[in-house]
Amino acid sequence: MKLLLQLFFSFFQVGLFSVGGGYAAIPLIQDQIVNVTGLMTLEEFTDLITIAEMTPGPISINSATFVGTRLCGVLGAVICTLGCILAPFIICLTMAHFYYKYRNFSGVQNVLGALRPATVALIGSAGVSILVLALFQSDLAGIQLSNFRGIEFVLFGVCLFLLRKYKMSAITIILGSGVVGTVLYLLKDLILL
């Protein structure tokens, strides 16, 4: 019961402070689950984020559901998901009321403009954390060049190029990366035998 309460309050905090949507929530979830509570390792968390990214739905809710399931089964999934959506639900209802009442007030536009850089920083932080983990299997503090993963680096570069240059579908990129990565690792394992 104590773990369920801890998970609920952790994800309630994530929902309360994840300004900017799902991707902005990833570093907050990581901080709560990996750094503060130590309930998962960074590698376990990144695997769950990868799965949450590939499944339909908002990534923050998918992440909460996967973390809850991993730690406490179905009840954990329900508790974490509720914790993640309760604060934004209340805030959205309240903000919608005030926004429609005061939307022409310049102070509202100033606040929204001031929140945009913080949102970009949160999303960027999540991206850098996941990239460093994918390339070095550690967080920023533990990077060692001997742990550099060349296959992931090449896949990242090719995917980034295809996304930016040819505006390919994210679904195509994800599926293609999964297939190519699997084939490359199978070939690597066959060569090392």
Foldseek 3Di string as FASTA:
>chain_A
DVVLVLLLQQLLVLLQPQPQFQLLSLVSNCCSCCPVPNVDHLVVLLVQLLVLVLDDDGSNLSSQLSVLCVRPNRSRSVSSNCSNVVNVVVVVVVVVVVCVVCVVPVVVVVVVVVCVVVNVVSNVVSVQQSLQCQQQVDGPVPRDPVRGDPLSVVLVVVLVCCCPPVVDDPNCSSVVSVVVVVVVVVVVVVVVD
